């Protein structure tokens, strides 16, 4: 029999977990170590969540101005303007490019 914990997750623990994941990724990039997939996924999911907090879906009509922060072996920032319907596809392109360069979307 499997028992699942259905208690709500404390947002403070989520924030601590995200902070630890970001620190771990920075450490790995600094040392040239491949980071854990879980840490990369947690940090990228937090970036996507930050982009949708305004209440607008990423694929809503109209235009969107974006600023994406990437960290890894080579850290950089991308700034651009795109139609919102195209934005999810643009994010996938950036995500793929980031994987190839061992970089993670840290914030958006």
N, C-alpha and C. Protein backbone atom coordinates (compact mmCIF):
# COMPACT_ATOMS: atom_id res chain seq x y z
N UNK A 1 0.84 -1.18 0.00
CA UNK A 1 0.00 0.00 0.00
C UNK A 1 0.89 1.25 0.00
N UNK A 2 0.60 2.18 -0.89
CA UNK A 2 1.36 3.41 -1.00
C UNK A 2 0.54 4.54 -0.39
N UNK A 3 1.17 5.30 0.48
CA UNK A 3 0.50 6.43 1.10
C UNK A 3 1.17 7.70 0.60
N UNK A 4 0.37 8.63 0.09
CA UNK A 4 0.89 9.89 -0.41
C UNK A 4 0.62 11.00 0.60
N UNK A 5 1.57 11.88 0.74
CA UNK A 5 1.41 13.03 1.62
C UNK A 5 0.60 14.08 0.88
N UNK A 6 -0.61 14.35 1.35
CA UNK A 6 -1.47 15.32 0.66
C UNK A 6 -1.50 16.67 1.36
N UNK A 7 -0.55 16.90 2.26
CA UNK A 7 -0.48 18.20 2.93
C UNK A 7 0.03 19.25 1.94
N UNK A 8 -0.50 20.47 2.03
CA UNK A 8 0.00 21.53 1.14
C UNK A 8 1.48 21.80 1.41
N UNK A 9 2.21 22.11 0.36
CA UNK A 9 3.63 22.40 0.50
C UNK A 9 3.80 23.83 0.97
N UNK A 10 4.61 23.99 1.98
CA UNK A 10 4.88 25.32 2.53
C UNK A 10 5.65 26.13 1.49
N UNK A 11 5.14 27.30 1.08
CA UNK A 11 5.84 28.11 0.08
C UNK A 11 7.24 28.51 0.50
N UNK A 12 7.46 28.62 1.82
CA UNK A 12 8.81 28.97 2.30
C UNK A 12 9.79 27.85 1.99
N UNK A 13 9.34 26.60 2.10
CA UNK A 13 10.21 25.46 1.76
C UNK A 13 10.49 25.42 0.26
N UNK A 14 9.48 25.77 -0.54
CA UNK A 14 9.69 25.81 -1.98
C UNK A 14 10.74 26.86 -2.33
N UNK A 15 10.67 28.02 -1.68
CA UNK A 15 11.64 29.09 -1.93
C UNK A 15 13.04 28.66 -1.53
N UNK A 16 13.17 27.98 -0.39
CA UNK A 16 14.47 27.48 0.06
C UNK A 16 14.99 26.44 -0.93
N UNK A 17 14.12 25.55 -1.36
CA UNK A 17 14.50 24.52 -2.31
C UNK A 17 14.98 25.14 -3.63
N UNK A 18 14.28 26.16 -4.09
CA UNK A 18 14.67 26.85 -5.32
C UNK A 18 16.03 27.53 -5.14
N UNK A 19 16.22 28.18 -4.01
CA UNK A 19 17.49 28.85 -3.74
C UNK A 19 18.65 27.85 -3.73
N UNK A 20 18.43 26.70 -3.09
CA UNK A 20 19.46 25.66 -3.05
C UNK A 20 19.75 25.13 -4.46
N UNK A 21 18.71 24.94 -5.25
CA UNK A 21 18.90 24.46 -6.63
C UNK A 21 19.70 25.46 -7.44
N UNK A 22 19.39 26.75 -7.30
CA UNK A 22 20.15 27.77 -8.03
C UNK A 22 21.61 27.79 -7.60
N UNK A 23 21.85 27.68 -6.29
CA UNK A 23 23.23 27.66 -5.80
C UNK A 23 23.97 26.43 -6.31
N UNK A 24 23.28 25.29 -6.33
CA UNK A 24 23.90 24.06 -6.81
C UNK A 24 24.26 24.18 -8.30
N UNK A 25 23.35 24.74 -9.08
CA UNK A 25 23.63 24.92 -10.51
C UNK A 25 24.83 25.84 -10.71
N UNK A 26 24.87 26.94 -9.98
CA UNK A 26 26.01 27.86 -10.12
C UNK A 26 27.31 27.17 -9.75
N UNK A 27 27.28 26.38 -8.68
CA UNK A 27 28.48 25.63 -8.26
C UNK A 27 28.92 24.67 -9.36
N UNK A 28 27.97 23.93 -9.92
CA UNK A 28 28.29 22.96 -10.98
C UNK A 28 28.88 23.66 -12.19
N UNK A 29 28.26 24.77 -12.60
CA UNK A 29 28.77 25.50 -13.77
C UNK A 29 30.18 26.03 -13.51
N UNK A 30 30.39 26.50 -12.28
CA UNK A 30 31.70 27.04 -11.92
C UNK A 30 32.78 25.96 -11.97
N UNK A 31 32.43 24.74 -11.53
CA UNK A 31 33.39 23.65 -11.46
C UNK A 31 33.42 22.80 -12.73
N UNK A 32 32.53 23.10 -13.70
CA UNK A 32 32.49 22.31 -14.92
C UNK A 32 31.86 20.94 -14.75
N UNK A 33 30.94 20.84 -13.80
CA UNK A 33 30.25 19.58 -13.48
C UNK A 33 28.86 19.62 -14.09
N UNK A 34 28.38 18.50 -14.58
CA UNK A 34 27.01 18.43 -15.09
C UNK A 34 26.06 18.42 -13.90
N UNK A 35 25.13 19.38 -13.83
CA UNK A 35 24.21 19.47 -12.68
C UNK A 35 23.12 18.40 -12.72
N UNK A 36 22.46 18.22 -11.59
CA UNK A 36 21.33 17.29 -11.51
C UNK A 36 20.17 17.82 -12.34
N UNK A 37 19.50 16.94 -13.02
CA UNK A 37 18.36 17.31 -13.86
C UNK A 37 17.27 17.95 -13.01
N UNK A 38 17.05 17.44 -11.79
CA UNK A 38 16.00 17.96 -10.93
C UNK A 38 16.24 19.43 -10.61
N UNK A 39 17.49 19.79 -10.36
CA UNK A 39 17.79 21.19 -10.05
C UNK A 39 17.54 22.07 -11.27
N UNK A 40 17.97 21.62 -12.44
CA UNK A 40 17.75 22.39 -13.66
C UNK A 40 16.26 22.59 -13.92
N UNK A 41 15.49 21.52 -13.78
CA UNK A 41 14.05 21.59 -14.03
C UNK A 41 13.36 22.51 -13.02
N UNK A 42 13.75 22.44 -11.75
CA UNK A 42 13.13 23.29 -10.72
C UNK A 42 13.40 24.76 -11.03
N UNK A 43 14.62 25.10 -11.41
CA UNK A 43 14.97 26.49 -11.69
C UNK A 43 14.25 26.98 -12.94
N UNK A 44 14.20 26.16 -13.99
CA UNK A 44 13.51 26.58 -15.22
C UNK A 44 12.01 26.71 -14.99
N UNK A 45 11.41 25.82 -14.20
CA UNK A 45 9.99 25.92 -13.91
C UNK A 45 9.69 27.19 -13.14
N UNK A 46 10.57 27.57 -12.22
CA UNK A 46 10.39 28.81 -11.47
C UNK A 46 10.44 30.02 -12.41
N UNK A 47 11.32 29.96 -13.43
CA UNK A 47 11.40 31.05 -14.41
C UNK A 47 10.10 31.14 -15.20
N UNK A 48 9.55 30.00 -15.62
CA UNK A 48 8.28 30.00 -16.36
C UNK A 48 7.15 30.53 -15.48
N UNK A 49 7.15 30.12 -14.21
CA UNK A 49 6.13 30.60 -13.28
C UNK A 49 6.21 32.12 -13.13
N UNK A 50 7.42 32.65 -13.07
CA UNK A 50 7.60 34.10 -12.94
C UNK A 50 7.05 34.82 -14.17
N UNK A 51 7.20 34.19 -15.34
CA UNK A 51 6.72 34.83 -16.56
C UNK A 51 5.20 34.84 -16.66
N UNK A 52 4.52 33.93 -15.97
CA UNK A 52 3.07 33.84 -16.07
C UNK A 52 2.36 34.46 -14.87
N UNK A 53 3.09 34.98 -13.90
CA UNK A 53 2.47 35.55 -12.70
C UNK A 53 1.58 36.75 -13.00
N UNK A 54 1.82 37.40 -14.11
CA UNK A 54 1.02 38.59 -14.43
C UNK A 54 -0.43 38.23 -14.73
N UNK A 55 -0.72 36.95 -14.88
CA UNK A 55 -2.08 36.52 -15.15
C UNK A 55 -2.35 36.28 -16.62
N UNK A 56 -1.42 36.65 -17.49
CA UNK A 56 -1.59 36.44 -18.92
C UNK A 56 -0.94 35.12 -19.33
N UNK A 57 -1.65 34.28 -20.08
CA UNK A 57 -1.01 33.07 -20.57
C UNK A 57 0.11 33.42 -21.56
N UNK A 58 1.11 32.56 -21.65
CA UNK A 58 2.25 32.84 -22.51
C UNK A 58 1.85 32.91 -23.98
N UNK A 59 0.72 32.29 -24.36
CA UNK A 59 0.34 32.27 -25.77
C UNK A 59 -0.86 33.18 -26.07
N UNK A 60 -1.12 34.16 -25.21
CA UNK A 60 -2.23 35.09 -25.44
C UNK A 60 -1.92 35.98 -26.65
N UNK A 61 -2.96 36.52 -27.31
CA UNK A 61 -2.71 37.38 -28.47
C UNK A 61 -2.05 38.70 -28.07
N UNK A 62 -1.43 39.36 -29.05
CA UNK A 62 -0.77 40.63 -28.80
C UNK A 62 0.74 40.47 -28.80
N UNK A 63 1.43 41.49 -28.31
CA UNK A 63 2.88 41.45 -28.27
C UNK A 63 3.37 41.32 -26.84
N UNK A 64 4.59 40.84 -26.71
CA UNK A 64 5.21 40.64 -25.40
C UNK A 64 6.66 41.08 -25.47
N UNK A 65 7.06 41.84 -24.49
CA UNK A 65 8.46 42.22 -24.31
C UNK A 65 9.01 41.25 -23.28
N UNK A 66 10.16 40.64 -23.57
CA UNK A 66 10.70 39.67 -22.62
C UNK A 66 12.17 39.92 -22.32
N UNK A 67 12.57 39.48 -21.16
CA UNK A 67 13.95 39.52 -20.71
C UNK A 67 14.20 38.18 -20.05
N UNK A 68 15.13 37.41 -20.58
CA UNK A 68 15.45 36.09 -20.05
C UNK A 68 16.89 36.08 -19.57
N UNK A 69 17.09 35.58 -18.38
CA UNK A 69 18.42 35.46 -17.79
C UNK A 69 18.87 34.01 -17.89
N UNK A 70 20.02 33.79 -18.50
CA UNK A 70 20.59 32.45 -18.65
C UNK A 70 21.87 32.38 -17.83
N UNK A 71 22.06 31.26 -17.14
CA UNK A 71 23.31 31.07 -16.40
C UNK A 71 23.85 29.69 -16.71
N UNK A 72 25.16 29.61 -16.73
CA UNK A 72 25.82 28.35 -17.01
C UNK A 72 27.29 28.59 -17.25
N UNK A 73 27.87 27.79 -18.16
CA UNK A 73 29.28 27.98 -18.47
C UNK A 73 29.52 29.37 -19.04
N UNK A 74 28.53 29.90 -19.73
CA UNK A 74 28.58 31.27 -20.23
C UNK A 74 27.23 31.90 -19.92
N UNK A 75 27.19 32.86 -19.01
CA UNK A 75 25.93 33.50 -18.62
C UNK A 75 25.64 34.68 -19.54
N UNK A 76 24.36 34.90 -19.83
CA UNK A 76 23.96 36.00 -20.70
C UNK A 76 22.49 36.32 -20.48
N UNK A 77 22.05 37.43 -21.07
CA UNK A 77 20.67 37.89 -20.98
C UNK A 77 20.16 38.09 -22.40
N UNK A 78 18.92 37.67 -22.66
CA UNK A 78 18.29 37.91 -23.96
C UNK A 78 17.10 38.83 -23.73
N UNK A 79 17.00 39.84 -24.56
CA UNK A 79 15.90 40.79 -24.51
C UNK A 79 15.27 40.81 -25.89
N UNK A 80 13.94 40.80 -25.95
CA UNK A 80 13.30 40.82 -27.24
C UNK A 80 11.84 41.16 -27.16
N UNK A 81 11.24 41.27 -28.33
CA UNK A 81 9.81 41.55 -28.43
C UNK A 81 9.24 40.58 -29.45
N UNK A 82 8.13 39.96 -29.10
CA UNK A 82 7.56 38.94 -29.96
C UNK A 82 6.06 38.91 -29.78
N UNK A 83 5.35 38.42 -30.80
CA UNK A 83 3.91 38.21 -30.64
C UNK A 83 3.71 37.10 -29.62
N UNK A 84 2.72 37.27 -28.77
CA UNK A 84 2.51 36.31 -27.68
C UNK A 84 2.24 34.91 -28.19
N UNK A 85 1.57 34.79 -29.31
CA UNK A 85 1.29 33.45 -29.83
C UNK A 85 2.56 32.73 -30.27
N UNK A 86 3.59 33.48 -30.58
CA UNK A 86 4.86 32.91 -31.01
C UNK A 86 5.78 32.68 -29.81
N UNK A 87 5.52 33.34 -28.68
CA UNK A 87 6.41 33.30 -27.53
C UNK A 87 6.71 31.89 -27.03
N UNK A 88 5.72 30.99 -26.87
CA UNK A 88 6.05 29.63 -26.40
C UNK A 88 7.03 28.91 -27.33
N UNK A 89 6.89 29.11 -28.63
CA UNK A 89 7.83 28.49 -29.57
C UNK A 89 9.22 29.09 -29.42
N UNK A 90 9.27 30.40 -29.23
CA UNK A 90 10.57 31.06 -29.03
C UNK A 90 11.24 30.53 -27.77
N UNK A 91 10.45 30.33 -26.70
CA UNK A 91 11.01 29.78 -25.46
C UNK A 91 11.59 28.39 -25.68
N UNK A 92 10.89 27.56 -26.46
CA UNK A 92 11.40 26.21 -26.75
C UNK A 92 12.73 26.28 -27.50
N UNK A 93 12.84 27.22 -28.44
CA UNK A 93 14.10 27.39 -29.16
C UNK A 93 15.23 27.78 -28.20
N UNK A 94 14.95 28.74 -27.32
CA UNK A 94 15.95 29.18 -26.36
C UNK A 94 16.33 28.04 -25.40
N UNK A 95 15.33 27.27 -25.00
CA UNK A 95 15.57 26.16 -24.09
C UNK A 95 16.49 25.13 -24.76
N UNK A 96 16.23 24.82 -26.02
CA UNK A 96 17.05 23.85 -26.76
C UNK A 96 18.48 24.38 -26.91
N UNK A 97 18.59 25.65 -27.28
CA UNK A 97 19.91 26.28 -27.42
C UNK A 97 20.65 26.27 -26.09
N UNK A 98 19.93 26.51 -25.00
CA UNK A 98 20.53 26.52 -23.67
C UNK A 98 21.07 25.14 -23.30
N UNK A 99 20.29 24.09 -23.60
CA UNK A 99 20.74 22.73 -23.31
C UNK A 99 22.05 22.43 -24.02
N UNK A 100 22.14 22.80 -25.29
CA UNK A 100 23.35 22.53 -26.07
C UNK A 100 24.57 23.24 -25.49
N UNK A 101 24.35 24.43 -24.91
CA UNK A 101 25.45 25.22 -24.36
C UNK A 101 25.64 25.06 -22.86
N UNK A 102 24.96 24.06 -22.27
CA UNK A 102 25.01 23.82 -20.81
C UNK A 102 24.66 25.07 -20.03
N UNK A 103 23.54 25.68 -20.42
CA UNK A 103 23.04 26.89 -19.79
C UNK A 103 21.59 26.63 -19.39
N UNK A 104 21.14 27.30 -18.34
CA UNK A 104 19.77 27.14 -17.85
C UNK A 104 19.09 28.50 -17.79
N UNK A 105 17.81 28.54 -18.18
CA UNK A 105 17.04 29.77 -18.02
C UNK A 105 16.82 29.97 -16.52
N UNK A 106 17.44 31.01 -15.97
CA UNK A 106 17.36 31.25 -14.53
C UNK A 106 16.19 32.12 -14.14
N UNK A 107 15.81 33.03 -15.01
CA UNK A 107 14.72 33.93 -14.65
C UNK A 107 14.15 34.54 -15.92
N UNK A 108 12.89 34.96 -15.82
CA UNK A 108 12.24 35.56 -16.98
C UNK A 108 11.23 36.59 -16.55
